[in-house]
N, C-alpha and C. Protein backbone atom coordinates (compact mmCIF):
# COMPACT_ATOMS: atom_id res chain seq x y z
N UNK A 1 115.88 -147.63 -136.03
CA UNK A 1 116.79 -147.71 -134.90
C UNK A 1 116.05 -148.13 -133.62
N UNK A 2 114.75 -147.91 -133.54
CA UNK A 2 113.91 -148.35 -132.43
C UNK A 2 114.42 -147.85 -131.09
N UNK A 3 114.52 -146.53 -130.94
CA UNK A 3 114.91 -145.85 -129.70
C UNK A 3 116.31 -146.21 -129.22
N UNK A 4 117.20 -146.52 -130.15
CA UNK A 4 118.60 -146.78 -129.79
C UNK A 4 119.46 -145.69 -130.42
N UNK A 5 120.45 -145.16 -129.71
CA UNK A 5 121.29 -144.10 -130.30
C UNK A 5 122.18 -144.61 -131.42
N UNK A 6 122.73 -145.81 -131.26
CA UNK A 6 123.53 -146.44 -132.30
C UNK A 6 123.11 -147.89 -132.43
N UNK A 7 123.35 -148.45 -133.60
CA UNK A 7 123.00 -149.86 -133.78
C UNK A 7 124.04 -150.52 -134.67
N UNK A 8 124.35 -151.78 -134.35
CA UNK A 8 125.37 -152.53 -135.07
C UNK A 8 124.75 -153.16 -136.32
N UNK A 9 125.57 -153.28 -137.36
CA UNK A 9 125.09 -153.90 -138.58
C UNK A 9 126.22 -154.49 -139.39
N UNK A 10 125.85 -155.12 -140.49
CA UNK A 10 126.80 -155.74 -141.41
C UNK A 10 126.67 -155.08 -142.77
N UNK A 11 127.79 -154.71 -143.36
CA UNK A 11 127.78 -154.06 -144.67
C UNK A 11 127.43 -155.10 -145.74
N UNK A 12 126.45 -154.75 -146.58
CA UNK A 12 126.09 -155.63 -147.68
C UNK A 12 126.59 -155.11 -149.02
N UNK A 13 126.81 -153.79 -149.12
CA UNK A 13 127.28 -153.21 -150.38
C UNK A 13 127.87 -151.83 -150.11
N UNK A 14 129.00 -151.52 -150.73
CA UNK A 14 129.61 -150.20 -150.66
C UNK A 14 129.60 -149.62 -152.07
N UNK A 15 129.06 -148.42 -152.21
CA UNK A 15 128.92 -147.81 -153.53
C UNK A 15 129.00 -146.29 -153.41
N UNK A 16 128.83 -145.59 -154.52
CA UNK A 16 128.82 -144.13 -154.54
C UNK A 16 127.47 -143.64 -155.06
N UNK A 17 127.11 -142.45 -154.62
CA UNK A 17 125.88 -141.81 -155.08
C UNK A 17 126.19 -140.39 -155.51
N UNK A 18 125.38 -139.87 -156.40
CA UNK A 18 125.52 -138.46 -156.78
C UNK A 18 124.47 -137.66 -156.03
N UNK A 19 124.84 -136.49 -155.48
CA UNK A 19 123.90 -135.71 -154.68
C UNK A 19 122.87 -134.98 -155.54
N UNK A 20 121.89 -134.39 -154.84
CA UNK A 20 120.84 -133.62 -155.50
C UNK A 20 121.41 -132.32 -156.06
N UNK A 21 120.66 -131.70 -156.93
CA UNK A 21 121.04 -130.38 -157.44
C UNK A 21 121.09 -129.40 -156.29
N UNK A 22 121.91 -128.40 -156.28
CA UNK A 22 122.90 -127.97 -157.25
C UNK A 22 124.28 -128.55 -156.99
N UNK A 23 124.41 -129.50 -156.02
CA UNK A 23 125.72 -130.07 -155.70
C UNK A 23 126.13 -131.11 -156.74
N UNK A 24 127.44 -131.30 -156.86
CA UNK A 24 127.91 -132.35 -157.75
C UNK A 24 129.18 -132.96 -157.18
N UNK A 25 129.14 -134.27 -156.99
CA UNK A 25 130.27 -135.02 -156.46
C UNK A 25 129.89 -136.48 -156.53
N UNK A 26 130.75 -137.35 -156.00
CA UNK A 26 130.36 -138.75 -155.83
C UNK A 26 130.58 -139.08 -154.37
N UNK A 27 129.51 -139.22 -153.64
CA UNK A 27 129.56 -139.47 -152.20
C UNK A 27 129.53 -140.98 -151.94
N UNK A 28 130.33 -141.42 -150.99
CA UNK A 28 130.41 -142.84 -150.67
C UNK A 28 129.29 -143.21 -149.69
N UNK A 29 128.57 -144.25 -150.02
CA UNK A 29 127.50 -144.76 -149.15
C UNK A 29 127.63 -146.27 -149.02
N UNK A 30 127.02 -146.81 -147.96
CA UNK A 30 127.05 -148.24 -147.73
C UNK A 30 125.65 -148.72 -147.37
N UNK A 31 125.28 -149.84 -147.94
CA UNK A 31 124.02 -150.48 -147.56
C UNK A 31 124.33 -151.43 -146.42
N UNK A 32 123.54 -151.33 -145.35
CA UNK A 32 123.83 -152.06 -144.12
C UNK A 32 122.60 -152.83 -143.68
N UNK A 33 122.82 -154.07 -143.26
CA UNK A 33 121.76 -154.87 -142.65
C UNK A 33 121.98 -154.83 -141.15
N UNK A 34 121.05 -154.21 -140.42
CA UNK A 34 121.19 -154.02 -138.99
C UNK A 34 120.83 -155.31 -138.24
N UNK A 35 121.19 -155.32 -136.94
CA UNK A 35 120.91 -156.50 -136.13
C UNK A 35 119.42 -156.70 -135.91
N UNK A 36 118.62 -155.63 -136.07
CA UNK A 36 117.17 -155.77 -135.93
C UNK A 36 116.52 -156.03 -137.30
N UNK A 37 117.28 -156.60 -138.24
CA UNK A 37 116.84 -157.03 -139.58
C UNK A 37 116.33 -155.89 -140.46
N UNK A 38 116.69 -154.67 -140.16
CA UNK A 38 116.33 -153.52 -140.99
C UNK A 38 117.46 -153.27 -141.97
N UNK A 39 117.15 -152.92 -143.21
CA UNK A 39 118.16 -152.56 -144.20
C UNK A 39 118.17 -151.05 -144.37
N UNK A 40 119.34 -150.42 -144.21
CA UNK A 40 119.45 -148.97 -144.33
C UNK A 40 120.57 -148.61 -145.29
N UNK A 41 120.56 -147.35 -145.71
CA UNK A 41 121.66 -146.79 -146.49
C UNK A 41 122.31 -145.71 -145.64
N UNK A 42 123.62 -145.82 -145.40
CA UNK A 42 124.33 -144.88 -144.54
C UNK A 42 125.51 -144.28 -145.29
N UNK A 43 125.81 -143.04 -144.96
CA UNK A 43 126.95 -142.39 -145.62
C UNK A 43 128.24 -142.74 -144.90
N UNK A 44 129.33 -142.71 -145.65
CA UNK A 44 130.66 -142.99 -145.11
C UNK A 44 131.36 -141.65 -144.93
N UNK A 45 131.59 -141.20 -143.68
CA UNK A 45 132.22 -139.89 -143.48
C UNK A 45 133.73 -139.92 -143.69
N UNK A 46 134.30 -138.77 -143.98
CA UNK A 46 135.74 -138.65 -144.13
C UNK A 46 136.22 -139.15 -145.48
N UNK A 47 137.51 -139.04 -145.68
CA UNK A 47 138.08 -139.47 -146.96
C UNK A 47 139.02 -140.64 -146.72
N UNK A 48 139.01 -141.60 -147.63
CA UNK A 48 139.86 -142.77 -147.52
C UNK A 48 139.40 -143.71 -146.44
N UNK A 49 138.91 -144.87 -146.82
CA UNK A 49 138.40 -145.80 -145.84
C UNK A 49 138.67 -147.23 -146.27
N UNK A 50 138.69 -148.13 -145.30
CA UNK A 50 138.79 -149.56 -145.57
C UNK A 50 137.51 -150.17 -145.03
N UNK A 51 136.56 -150.35 -145.91
CA UNK A 51 135.27 -150.91 -145.53
C UNK A 51 134.77 -151.73 -146.71
N UNK A 52 134.56 -153.00 -146.50
CA UNK A 52 134.11 -153.86 -147.59
C UNK A 52 132.91 -154.68 -147.12
N UNK A 53 132.45 -155.55 -147.97
CA UNK A 53 131.28 -156.35 -147.68
C UNK A 53 131.54 -157.26 -146.48
N UNK A 54 130.53 -157.47 -145.68
CA UNK A 54 130.53 -158.31 -144.48
C UNK A 54 131.32 -157.71 -143.32
N UNK A 55 131.76 -156.48 -143.40
CA UNK A 55 132.38 -155.83 -142.26
C UNK A 55 131.30 -155.44 -141.26
N UNK A 56 131.65 -155.51 -139.97
CA UNK A 56 130.73 -155.04 -138.93
C UNK A 56 130.95 -153.55 -138.74
N UNK A 57 129.86 -152.78 -138.66
CA UNK A 57 129.95 -151.33 -138.47
C UNK A 57 128.92 -150.89 -137.43
N UNK A 58 129.09 -149.67 -136.94
CA UNK A 58 128.15 -149.06 -136.01
C UNK A 58 127.56 -147.84 -136.69
N UNK A 59 126.23 -147.78 -136.77
CA UNK A 59 125.56 -146.67 -137.46
C UNK A 59 124.75 -145.86 -136.45
N UNK A 60 124.67 -144.56 -136.71
CA UNK A 60 123.81 -143.71 -135.90
C UNK A 60 123.02 -142.78 -136.82
N UNK A 61 122.02 -142.14 -136.27
CA UNK A 61 121.20 -141.22 -137.05
C UNK A 61 122.00 -139.99 -137.44
N UNK A 62 121.62 -139.36 -138.49
CA UNK A 62 122.33 -138.19 -138.98
C UNK A 62 122.34 -138.24 -140.49
N UNK A 63 121.35 -137.58 -141.09
CA UNK A 63 121.19 -137.74 -142.53
C UNK A 63 122.15 -136.87 -143.32
N UNK A 64 122.37 -137.26 -144.56
CA UNK A 64 123.14 -136.47 -145.50
C UNK A 64 122.13 -135.61 -146.26
N UNK A 65 122.24 -134.30 -146.13
CA UNK A 65 121.21 -133.40 -146.66
C UNK A 65 121.06 -133.50 -148.16
N UNK A 66 122.13 -133.77 -148.88
CA UNK A 66 122.04 -133.75 -150.34
C UNK A 66 121.96 -135.15 -150.95
N UNK A 67 121.81 -136.18 -150.12
CA UNK A 67 121.66 -137.55 -150.64
C UNK A 67 120.26 -138.06 -150.32
N UNK A 68 119.42 -138.24 -151.31
CA UNK A 68 118.07 -138.72 -151.03
C UNK A 68 118.06 -140.17 -150.56
N UNK A 69 117.33 -140.45 -149.50
CA UNK A 69 117.21 -141.81 -148.97
C UNK A 69 118.32 -142.21 -148.02
N UNK A 70 119.24 -141.31 -147.73
CA UNK A 70 120.34 -141.62 -146.81
C UNK A 70 120.08 -140.88 -145.51
N UNK A 71 119.73 -141.62 -144.46
CA UNK A 71 119.37 -140.99 -143.19
C UNK A 71 120.26 -141.39 -142.04
N UNK A 72 121.36 -142.08 -142.32
CA UNK A 72 122.23 -142.57 -141.26
C UNK A 72 123.69 -142.33 -141.61
N UNK A 73 124.55 -142.41 -140.59
CA UNK A 73 125.98 -142.22 -140.77
C UNK A 73 126.72 -143.35 -140.07
N UNK A 74 127.79 -143.84 -140.68
CA UNK A 74 128.62 -144.88 -140.06
C UNK A 74 129.64 -144.19 -139.16
N UNK A 75 129.91 -144.79 -138.01
CA UNK A 75 130.89 -144.23 -137.08
C UNK A 75 132.25 -144.84 -137.37
N UNK A 76 133.25 -143.97 -137.58
CA UNK A 76 134.60 -144.44 -137.92
C UNK A 76 135.32 -144.95 -136.68
N UNK A 77 136.19 -145.93 -136.88
CA UNK A 77 137.04 -146.44 -135.81
C UNK A 77 136.37 -147.40 -134.85
N UNK A 78 135.17 -147.90 -135.17
CA UNK A 78 134.46 -148.84 -134.31
C UNK A 78 134.27 -150.14 -135.09
N UNK A 79 134.47 -151.27 -134.43
CA UNK A 79 134.39 -152.60 -135.03
C UNK A 79 135.38 -152.71 -136.20
N UNK A 80 134.91 -153.06 -137.39
CA UNK A 80 135.82 -153.31 -138.52
C UNK A 80 136.06 -152.08 -139.39
N UNK A 81 135.45 -150.96 -139.08
CA UNK A 81 135.55 -149.78 -139.93
C UNK A 81 136.74 -148.93 -139.50
N UNK A 82 137.65 -148.64 -140.44
CA UNK A 82 138.92 -147.99 -140.12
C UNK A 82 138.74 -146.52 -139.75
N UNK A 83 139.58 -146.01 -138.82
CA UNK A 83 139.55 -144.58 -138.52
C UNK A 83 140.26 -143.79 -139.61
N UNK A 84 140.08 -142.46 -139.61
CA UNK A 84 140.77 -141.60 -140.56
C UNK A 84 142.21 -141.47 -140.13
N UNK A 85 143.14 -141.55 -141.07
CA UNK A 85 144.56 -141.50 -140.77
C UNK A 85 145.02 -140.05 -140.74
N UNK A 86 145.89 -139.73 -139.78
CA UNK A 86 146.51 -138.41 -139.59
C UNK A 86 145.49 -137.30 -139.44
N UNK A 87 144.50 -137.53 -138.59
CA UNK A 87 143.50 -136.50 -138.29
C UNK A 87 143.88 -135.85 -136.98
N UNK A 88 143.91 -134.52 -136.93
CA UNK A 88 144.31 -133.82 -135.71
C UNK A 88 143.16 -133.05 -135.08
N UNK A 89 142.26 -132.52 -135.89
CA UNK A 89 141.11 -131.81 -135.36
C UNK A 89 139.86 -132.65 -135.55
N UNK A 90 138.89 -132.51 -134.64
CA UNK A 90 137.63 -133.27 -134.66
C UNK A 90 137.91 -134.77 -134.67
N UNK A 91 138.88 -135.21 -133.83
CA UNK A 91 139.29 -136.60 -133.84
C UNK A 91 138.18 -137.54 -133.38
N UNK A 92 137.34 -137.09 -132.45
CA UNK A 92 136.30 -137.97 -131.91
C UNK A 92 135.28 -138.34 -132.98
N UNK A 93 135.05 -137.48 -133.95
CA UNK A 93 134.09 -137.76 -135.02
C UNK A 93 134.62 -138.86 -135.93
N UNK A 94 135.94 -138.92 -136.11
CA UNK A 94 136.53 -139.85 -137.06
C UNK A 94 137.24 -141.02 -136.40
N UNK A 95 137.09 -141.21 -135.10
CA UNK A 95 137.61 -142.38 -134.41
C UNK A 95 139.11 -142.44 -134.30
N UNK A 96 139.77 -141.29 -134.12
CA UNK A 96 141.23 -141.25 -134.05
C UNK A 96 141.64 -140.98 -132.60
N UNK A 97 142.59 -141.77 -132.08
CA UNK A 97 143.07 -141.55 -130.72
C UNK A 97 144.09 -140.41 -130.71
N UNK A 98 144.38 -139.90 -129.53
CA UNK A 98 145.26 -138.74 -129.40
C UNK A 98 146.70 -139.13 -129.73
N UNK A 99 147.35 -138.43 -130.67
CA UNK A 99 148.74 -138.76 -131.00
C UNK A 99 149.68 -138.26 -129.91
N UNK A 100 150.81 -138.92 -129.76
CA UNK A 100 151.77 -138.56 -128.73
C UNK A 100 152.40 -137.19 -128.98
N UNK A 101 152.50 -136.78 -130.24
CA UNK A 101 153.13 -135.50 -130.55
C UNK A 101 152.26 -134.31 -130.18
N UNK A 102 150.95 -134.54 -129.98
CA UNK A 102 150.05 -133.46 -129.62
C UNK A 102 150.31 -133.07 -128.17
N UNK A 103 150.39 -131.77 -127.88
CA UNK A 103 150.69 -131.31 -126.53
C UNK A 103 149.57 -131.71 -125.59
N UNK A 104 149.94 -132.15 -124.41
CA UNK A 104 148.97 -132.58 -123.43
C UNK A 104 148.76 -131.47 -122.41
N UNK A 105 147.53 -131.04 -122.26
CA UNK A 105 147.21 -130.00 -121.29
C UNK A 105 147.09 -130.62 -119.90
N UNK A 106 147.77 -130.04 -118.93
CA UNK A 106 147.71 -130.52 -117.56
C UNK A 106 146.93 -129.49 -116.75
N UNK A 107 145.88 -129.96 -116.06
CA UNK A 107 145.06 -129.05 -115.29
C UNK A 107 145.87 -128.40 -114.19
N UNK A 108 145.53 -127.16 -113.86
CA UNK A 108 146.31 -126.36 -112.93
C UNK A 108 146.43 -127.04 -111.56
N UNK A 109 145.36 -127.70 -111.11
CA UNK A 109 145.41 -128.33 -109.79
C UNK A 109 146.37 -129.51 -109.75
N UNK A 110 146.71 -130.09 -110.90
CA UNK A 110 147.63 -131.22 -110.95
C UNK A 110 149.06 -130.83 -111.30
N UNK A 111 149.32 -129.57 -111.61
CA UNK A 111 150.66 -129.15 -112.02
C UNK A 111 151.66 -129.25 -110.87
N UNK A 112 151.25 -128.97 -109.65
CA UNK A 112 152.17 -129.05 -108.52
C UNK A 112 152.57 -130.51 -108.27
N UNK A 113 151.69 -131.44 -108.52
CA UNK A 113 152.01 -132.86 -108.35
C UNK A 113 153.05 -133.30 -109.39
N UNK A 114 152.94 -132.75 -110.60
CA UNK A 114 153.88 -133.08 -111.67
C UNK A 114 155.28 -132.58 -111.32
N UNK A 115 155.40 -131.39 -110.69
CA UNK A 115 156.71 -130.84 -110.36
C UNK A 115 157.41 -131.64 -109.27
N UNK A 116 156.64 -132.23 -108.34
CA UNK A 116 157.22 -132.96 -107.22
C UNK A 116 157.86 -134.26 -107.68
N UNK A 117 157.42 -134.82 -108.79
CA UNK A 117 157.96 -136.10 -109.26
C UNK A 117 159.31 -136.00 -109.86
């Protein structure tokens, strides 16, 4: 990453990996070629995604503890990588904007301005 918090890259392959013992599952990972010509393996967070070869993605540090060789995470909802659908909690992690049905908190100092309108 060379002292950068996030770095842009292009997906070269999307596949699944099996984690180390004692866990068992099939975790989704993507091989990414970064703009600084580094090739990395990053995990795909959340469930259900639209990410294929040659998509542009944004990766940041954050390893998957049970996946050997995976030290990065793809950020959802940035560039060509789809956000998680119908996510209500931890929306910022999965790139989901605030839905209209969610109640909007109005700060106390602005409540009097709302009543005057």
